[in-house]
Amino acid sequence: MENPFTTHPRSVGQTYGEHMAFALAFARGCFAAGGIAVVHAVFPFVWPTAAGDRVRGLYRKLEEAVRPRS
């Protein structure tokens, strides 16, 4: 029986710890982009492109770091 804690991390070439660290860093970036977007929603003149820039950067980082493997 496969271990549910290691199956997915192994499929993307990471250990459980590496995957946890990457996922937590990614989540931190998502929360930061969300906070920026909230501020921008109230004050549209503040950080007009920052949230989108951050999300695009996170997407690039995800695409570069995690390549699914069979």
PDB file of N, CA and C in Angstrom:
ATOM      1  N   MET A   1       0.846  -1.178   0.000  1.00  0.00           N
ATOM      2  CA  MET A   1       0.000   0.000   0.000  1.00  0.00           C
ATOM      3  C   MET A   1       0.892   1.242   0.000  1.00  0.00           C
ATOM      4  N   GLU A   2       0.550   2.184  -0.856  1.00  0.00           N
ATOM      5  CA  GLU A   2       1.346   3.403  -0.955  1.00  0.00           C
ATOM      6  C   GLU A   2       1.055   4.344   0.208  1.00  0.00           C
ATOM      7  N   ASN A   3       2.090   5.069   0.605  1.00  0.00           N
ATOM      8  CA  ASN A   3       1.972   6.032   1.688  1.00  0.00           C
ATOM      9  C   ASN A   3       1.381   7.334   1.128  1.00  0.00           C
ATOM     10  N   PRO A   4       0.217   7.774   1.595  1.00  0.00           N
ATOM     11  CA  PRO A   4      -0.407   8.981   1.050  1.00  0.00           C
ATOM     12  C   PRO A   4       0.404  10.252   1.332  1.00  0.00           C
ATOM     13  N   PHE A   5       1.307  10.211   2.307  1.00  0.00           N
ATOM     14  CA  PHE A   5       2.121  11.377   2.619  1.00  0.00           C
ATOM     15  C   PHE A   5       3.309  11.529   1.681  1.00  0.00           C
ATOM     16  N   THR A   6       3.688  10.474   0.991  1.00  0.00           N
ATOM     17  CA  THR A   6       4.873  10.544   0.138  1.00  0.00           C
ATOM     18  C   THR A   6       4.587  10.295  -1.340  1.00  0.00           C
ATOM     19  N   THR A   7       3.416   9.780  -1.682  1.00  0.00           N
ATOM     20  CA  THR A   7       3.118   9.452  -3.078  1.00  0.00           C
ATOM     21  C   THR A   7       3.188  10.684  -3.970  1.00  0.00           C
ATOM     22  N   HIS A   8       2.445  11.724  -3.644  1.00  0.00           N
ATOM     23  CA  HIS A   8       2.457  12.926  -4.480  1.00  0.00           C
ATOM     24  C   HIS A   8       3.819  13.623  -4.459  1.00  0.00           C
ATOM     25  N   PRO A   9       4.418  13.878  -3.286  1.00  0.00           N
ATOM     26  CA  PRO A   9       5.740  14.512  -3.317  1.00  0.00           C
ATOM     27  C   PRO A   9       6.745  13.749  -4.193  1.00  0.00           C
ATOM     28  N   ARG A  10       6.733  12.442  -4.092  1.00  0.00           N
ATOM     29  CA  ARG A  10       7.641  11.630  -4.909  1.00  0.00           C
ATOM     30  C   ARG A  10       7.333  11.805  -6.392  1.00  0.00           C
ATOM     31  N   SER A  11       6.043  11.945  -6.750  1.00  0.00           N
ATOM     32  CA  SER A  11       5.659  12.074  -8.155  1.00  0.00           C
ATOM     33  C   SER A  11       6.150  13.381  -8.773  1.00  0.00           C
ATOM     34  N   VAL A  12       6.459  14.372  -7.945  1.00  0.00           N
ATOM     35  CA  VAL A  12       6.987  15.643  -8.446  1.00  0.00           C
ATOM     36  C   VAL A  12       8.461  15.807  -8.102  1.00  0.00           C
ATOM     37  N   GLY A  13       9.094  14.716  -7.720  1.00  0.00           N
ATOM     38  CA  GLY A  13      10.533  14.728  -7.488  1.00  0.00           C
ATOM     39  C   GLY A  13      10.973  15.383  -6.193  1.00  0.00           C
ATOM     40  N   GLN A  14      10.130  15.319  -5.175  1.00  0.00           N
ATOM     41  CA  GLN A  14      10.455  15.930  -3.891  1.00  0.00           C
ATOM     42  C   GLN A  14      10.263  14.928  -2.764  1.00  0.00           C
ATOM     43  N   THR A  15      10.957  15.188  -1.662  1.00  0.00           N
ATOM     44  CA  THR A  15      10.682  14.439  -0.446  1.00  0.00           C
ATOM     45  C   THR A  15       9.476  15.094   0.231  1.00  0.00           C
ATOM     46  N   TYR A  16       8.965  14.439   1.264  1.00  0.00           N
ATOM     47  CA  TYR A  16       7.848  15.014   2.012  1.00  0.00           C
ATOM     48  C   TYR A  16       8.225  16.389   2.561  1.00  0.00           C
ATOM     49  N   GLY A  17       9.406  16.494   3.165  1.00  0.00           N
ATOM     50  CA  GLY A  17       9.857  17.763   3.742  1.00  0.00           C
ATOM     51  C   GLY A  17      10.052  18.847   2.698  1.00  0.00           C
ATOM     52  N   GLU A  18      10.650  18.489   1.559  1.00  0.00           N
ATOM     53  CA  GLU A  18      10.837  19.463   0.488  1.00  0.00           C
ATOM     54  C   GLU A  18       9.489  19.952  -0.034  1.00  0.00           C
ATOM     55  N   HIS A  19       8.563  19.019  -0.186  1.00  0.00           N
ATOM     56  CA  HIS A  19       7.239  19.396  -0.678  1.00  0.00           C
ATOM     57  C   HIS A  19       6.518  20.292   0.319  1.00  0.00           C
ATOM     58  N   MET A  20       6.629  19.978   1.592  1.00  0.00           N
ATOM     59  CA  MET A  20       5.990  20.809   2.611  1.00  0.00           C
ATOM     60  C   MET A  20       6.567  22.219   2.586  1.00  0.00           C
ATOM     61  N   ALA A  21       7.888  22.336   2.522  1.00  0.00           N
ATOM     62  CA  ALA A  21       8.520  23.652   2.502  1.00  0.00           C
ATOM     63  C   ALA A  21       8.092  24.444   1.271  1.00  0.00           C
ATOM     64  N   PHE A  22       8.075  23.791   0.109  1.00  0.00           N
ATOM     65  CA  PHE A  22       7.671  24.470  -1.114  1.00  0.00           C
ATOM     66  C   PHE A  22       6.211  24.906  -1.036  1.00  0.00           C
ATOM     67  N   ALA A  23       5.343  24.011  -0.577  1.00  0.00           N
ATOM     68  CA  ALA A  23       3.914  24.322  -0.496  1.00  0.00           C
ATOM     69  C   ALA A  23       3.645  25.457   0.500  1.00  0.00           C
ATOM     70  N   LEU A  24       4.349  25.466   1.621  1.00  0.00           N
ATOM     71  CA  LEU A  24       4.152  26.542   2.597  1.00  0.00           C
ATOM     72  C   LEU A  24       4.664  27.878   2.057  1.00  0.00           C
ATOM     73  N   ALA A  25       5.791  27.863   1.356  1.00  0.00           N
ATOM     74  CA  ALA A  25       6.303  29.096   0.751  1.00  0.00           C
ATOM     75  C   ALA A  25       5.341  29.593  -0.326  1.00  0.00           C
ATOM     76  N   PHE A  26       4.789  28.674  -1.102  1.00  0.00           N
ATOM     77  CA  PHE A  26       3.813  29.034  -2.124  1.00  0.00           C
ATOM     78  C   PHE A  26       2.566  29.640  -1.476  1.00  0.00           C
ATOM     79  N   ALA A  27       2.094  29.035  -0.397  1.00  0.00           N
ATOM     80  CA  ALA A  27       0.926  29.555   0.321  1.00  0.00           C
ATOM     81  C   ALA A  27       1.195  30.950   0.865  1.00  0.00           C
ATOM     82  N   ARG A  28       2.391  31.161   1.401  1.00  0.00           N
ATOM     83  CA  ARG A  28       2.754  32.493   1.911  1.00  0.00           C
ATOM     84  C   ARG A  28       2.670  33.523   0.788  1.00  0.00           C
ATOM     85  N   GLY A  29       3.159  33.160  -0.393  1.00  0.00           N
ATOM     86  CA  GLY A  29       3.075  34.065  -1.538  1.00  0.00           C
ATOM     87  C   GLY A  29       1.641  34.344  -1.949  1.00  0.00           C
ATOM     88  N   CYS A  30       0.801  33.317  -1.888  1.00  0.00           N
ATOM     89  CA  CYS A  30      -0.621  33.495  -2.217  1.00  0.00           C
ATOM     90  C   CYS A  30      -1.306  34.426  -1.224  1.00  0.00           C
ATOM     91  N   PHE A  31      -1.019  34.241   0.058  1.00  0.00           N
ATOM     92  CA  PHE A  31      -1.612  35.111   1.073  1.00  0.00           C
ATOM     93  C   PHE A  31      -1.137  36.549   0.886  1.00  0.00           C
ATOM     94  N   ALA A  32       0.145  36.722   0.561  1.00  0.00           N
ATOM     95  CA  ALA A  32       0.676  38.065   0.334  1.00  0.00           C
ATOM     96  C   ALA A  32      -0.019  38.717  -0.859  1.00  0.00           C
ATOM     97  N   ALA A  33      -0.179  37.974  -1.950  1.00  0.00           N
ATOM     98  CA  ALA A  33      -0.873  38.515  -3.122  1.00  0.00           C
ATOM     99  C   ALA A  33      -2.309  38.877  -2.761  1.00  0.00           C
ATOM    100  N   GLY A  34      -2.956  38.055  -1.951  1.00  0.00           N
ATOM    101  CA  GLY A  34      -4.316  38.353  -1.520  1.00  0.00           C
ATOM    102  C   GLY A  34      -4.389  39.628  -0.696  1.00  0.00           C
ATOM    103  N   GLY A  35      -3.443  39.804   0.214  1.00  0.00           N
ATOM    104  CA  GLY A  35      -3.403  41.029   1.018  1.00  0.00           C
ATOM    105  C   GLY A  35      -3.183  42.261   0.166  1.00  0.00           C
ATOM    106  N   ILE A  36      -2.287  42.136  -0.800  1.00  0.00           N
ATOM    107  CA  ILE A  36      -2.037  43.242  -1.727  1.00  0.00           C
ATOM    108  C   ILE A  36      -3.310  43.570  -2.503  1.00  0.00           C
ATOM    109  N   ALA A  37      -4.010  42.534  -2.953  1.00  0.00           N
ATOM    110  CA  ALA A  37      -5.250  42.742  -3.710  1.00  0.00           C
ATOM    111  C   ALA A  37      -6.318  43.423  -2.864  1.00  0.00           C
ATOM    112  N   VAL A  38      -6.400  43.074  -1.580  1.00  0.00           N
ATOM    113  CA  VAL A  38      -7.386  43.711  -0.696  1.00  0.00           C
ATOM    114  C   VAL A  38      -7.069  45.200  -0.551  1.00  0.00           C
ATOM    115  N   VAL A  39      -5.805  45.515  -0.314  1.00  0.00           N
ATOM    116  CA  VAL A  39      -5.427  46.929  -0.196  1.00  0.00           C
ATOM    117  C   VAL A  39      -5.740  47.659  -1.498  1.00  0.00           C
ATOM    118  N   HIS A  40      -5.389  47.037  -2.615  1.00  0.00           N
ATOM    119  CA  HIS A  40      -5.651  47.658  -3.924  1.00  0.00           C
ATOM    120  C   HIS A  40      -7.152  47.836  -4.180  1.00  0.00           C
ATOM    121  N   ALA A  41      -7.971  46.916  -3.697  1.00  0.00           N
ATOM    122  CA  ALA A  41      -9.421  47.035  -3.888  1.00  0.00           C
ATOM    123  C   ALA A  41      -9.962  48.289  -3.211  1.00  0.00           C
ATOM    124  N   VAL A  42      -9.437  48.598  -2.040  1.00  0.00           N
ATOM    125  CA  VAL A  42      -9.906  49.761  -1.286  1.00  0.00           C
ATOM    126  C   VAL A  42      -9.255  51.043  -1.804  1.00  0.00           C
ATOM    127  N   PHE A  43      -7.969  50.948  -2.132  1.00  0.00           N
ATOM    128  CA  PHE A  43      -7.188  52.089  -2.612  1.00  0.00           C
ATOM    129  C   PHE A  43      -6.621  51.748  -3.989  1.00  0.00           C
ATOM    130  N   PRO A  44      -7.395  51.912  -5.048  1.00  0.00           N
ATOM    131  CA  PRO A  44      -6.985  51.437  -6.368  1.00  0.00           C
ATOM    132  C   PRO A  44      -5.694  52.066  -6.901  1.00  0.00           C
ATOM    133  N   PHE A  45      -5.282  53.171  -6.316  1.00  0.00           N
ATOM    134  CA  PHE A  45      -4.051  53.834  -6.742  1.00  0.00           C
ATOM    135  C   PHE A  45      -2.811  53.217  -6.089  1.00  0.00           C
ATOM    136  N   VAL A  46      -3.011  52.324  -5.126  1.00  0.00           N
ATOM    137  CA  VAL A  46      -1.892  51.661  -4.450  1.00  0.00           C
ATOM    138  C   VAL A  46      -1.629  50.323  -5.130  1.00  0.00           C
ATOM    139  N   TRP A  47      -0.385  50.085  -5.496  1.00  0.00           N
ATOM    140  CA  TRP A  47       0.053  48.807  -6.078  1.00  0.00           C
ATOM    141  C   TRP A  47      -0.842  48.352  -7.228  1.00  0.00           C
ATOM    142  N   PRO A  48      -0.952  49.150  -8.290  1.00  0.00           N
ATOM    143  CA  PRO A  48      -1.888  48.808  -9.367  1.00  0.00           C
ATOM    144  C   PRO A  48      -1.615  47.483 -10.081  1.00  0.00           C
ATOM    145  N   THR A  49      -0.375  47.011 -10.090  1.00  0.00           N
ATOM    146  CA  THR A  49      -0.089  45.736 -10.774  1.00  0.00           C
ATOM    147  C   THR A  49       0.542  44.701  -9.850  1.00  0.00           C
ATOM    148  N   ALA A  50       0.749  45.038  -8.601  1.00  0.00           N
ATOM    149  CA  ALA A  50       1.541  44.184  -7.700  1.00  0.00           C
ATOM    150  C   ALA A  50       0.926  42.808  -7.471  1.00  0.00           C
ATOM    151  N   ALA A  51      -0.371  42.717  -7.254  1.00  0.00           N
ATOM    152  CA  ALA A  51      -0.989  41.408  -6.984  1.00  0.00           C
ATOM    153  C   ALA A  51      -0.863  40.502  -8.208  1.00  0.00           C
ATOM    154  N   GLY A  52      -1.187  41.023  -9.376  1.00  0.00           N
ATOM    155  CA  GLY A  52      -1.070  40.231 -10.597  1.00  0.00           C
ATOM    156  C   GLY A  52       0.370  39.835 -10.887  1.00  0.00           C
ATOM    157  N   ASP A  53       1.293  40.757 -10.656  1.00  0.00           N
ATOM    158  CA  ASP A  53       2.717  40.444 -10.853  1.00  0.00           C
ATOM    159  C   ASP A  53       3.143  39.300  -9.940  1.00  0.00           C
ATOM    160  N   ARG A  54       2.693  39.360  -8.697  1.00  0.00           N
ATOM    161  CA  ARG A  54       3.064  38.319  -7.739  1.00  0.00           C
ATOM    162  C   ARG A  54       2.471  36.969  -8.127  1.00  0.00           C
ATOM    163  N   VAL A  55       1.207  36.968  -8.557  1.00  0.00           N
ATOM    164  CA  VAL A  55       0.560  35.710  -8.964  1.00  0.00           C
ATOM    165  C   VAL A  55       1.276  35.119 -10.181  1.00  0.00           C
ATOM    166  N   ARG A  56       1.626  35.964 -11.153  1.00  0.00           N
ATOM    167  CA  ARG A  56       2.357  35.461 -12.320  1.00  0.00           C
ATOM    168  C   ARG A  56       3.709  34.893 -11.914  1.00  0.00           C
ATOM    169  N   GLY A  57       4.387  35.542 -10.969  1.00  0.00           N
ATOM    170  CA  GLY A  57       5.659  35.030 -10.474  1.00  0.00           C
ATOM    171  C   GLY A  57       5.500  33.694  -9.772  1.00  0.00           C
ATOM    172  N   LEU A  58       4.447  33.553  -8.984  1.00  0.00           N
ATOM    173  CA  LEU A  58       4.183  32.276  -8.314  1.00  0.00           C
ATOM    174  C   LEU A  58       3.921  31.172  -9.329  1.00  0.00           C
ATOM    175  N   TYR A  59       3.181  31.497 -10.366  1.00  0.00           N
ATOM    176  CA  TYR A  59       2.894  30.503 -11.398  1.00  0.00           C
ATOM    177  C   TYR A  59       4.185  30.051 -12.084  1.00  0.00           C
ATOM    178  N   ARG A  60       5.046  31.010 -12.424  1.00  0.00           N
ATOM    179  CA  ARG A  60       6.331  30.656 -13.047  1.00  0.00           C
ATOM    180  C   ARG A  60       7.158  29.778 -12.123  1.00  0.00           C
ATOM    181  N   LYS A  61       7.194  30.130 -10.840  1.00  0.00           N
ATOM    182  CA  LYS A  61       7.960  29.350  -9.870  1.00  0.00           C
ATOM    183  C   LYS A  61       7.421  27.924  -9.772  1.00  0.00           C
ATOM    184  N   LEU A  62       6.106  27.791  -9.766  1.00  0.00           N
ATOM    185  CA  LEU A  62       5.475  26.471  -9.704  1.00  0.00           C
ATOM    186  C   LEU A  62       5.816  25.656 -10.951  1.00  0.00           C
ATOM    187  N   GLU A  63       5.699  26.268 -12.109  1.00  0.00           N
ATOM    188  CA  GLU A  63       5.995  25.570 -13.355  1.00  0.00           C
ATOM    189  C   GLU A  63       7.456  25.116 -13.420  1.00  0.00           C
ATOM    190  N   GLU A  64       8.373  25.936 -12.923  1.00  0.00           N
ATOM    191  CA  GLU A  64       9.800  25.597 -12.959  1.00  0.00           C
ATOM    192  C   GLU A  64      10.165  24.521 -11.949  1.00  0.00           C
ATOM    193  N   ALA A  65       9.544  24.556 -10.798  1.00  0.00           N
ATOM    194  CA  ALA A  65       9.970  23.680  -9.705  1.00  0.00           C
ATOM    195  C   ALA A  65       9.315  22.311  -9.702  1.00  0.00           C
ATOM    196  N   VAL A  66       8.105  22.236 -10.168  1.00  0.00           N
ATOM    197  CA  VAL A  66       7.346  20.988 -10.007  1.00  0.00           C
ATOM    198  C   VAL A  66       6.978  20.447 -11.384  1.00  0.00           C
ATOM    199  N   ARG A  67       7.667  19.418 -11.774  1.00  0.00           N
ATOM    200  CA  ARG A  67       7.375  18.725 -13.033  1.00  0.00           C
ATOM    201  C   ARG A  67       6.862  17.350 -12.685  1.00  0.00           C
ATOM    202  N   PRO A  68       5.585  17.082 -12.899  1.00  0.00           N
ATOM    203  CA  PRO A  68       5.063  15.740 -12.567  1.00  0.00           C
ATOM    204  C   PRO A  68       5.839  14.641 -13.268  1.00  0.00           C
ATOM    205  N   ARG A  69       6.092  13.572 -12.530  1.00  0.00           N
ATOM    206  CA  ARG A  69       6.783  12.399 -13.061  1.00  0.00           C
ATOM    207  C   ARG A  69       5.925  11.176 -12.836  1.00  0.00           C
ATOM    208  N   SER A  70       5.995  10.247 -13.723  1.00  0.00           N
ATOM    209  CA  SER A  70       5.203   9.018 -13.578  1.00  0.00           C
ATOM    210  C   SER A  70       5.961   7.996 -12.788  1.00  0.00           C
TER     211      SER A  70
END
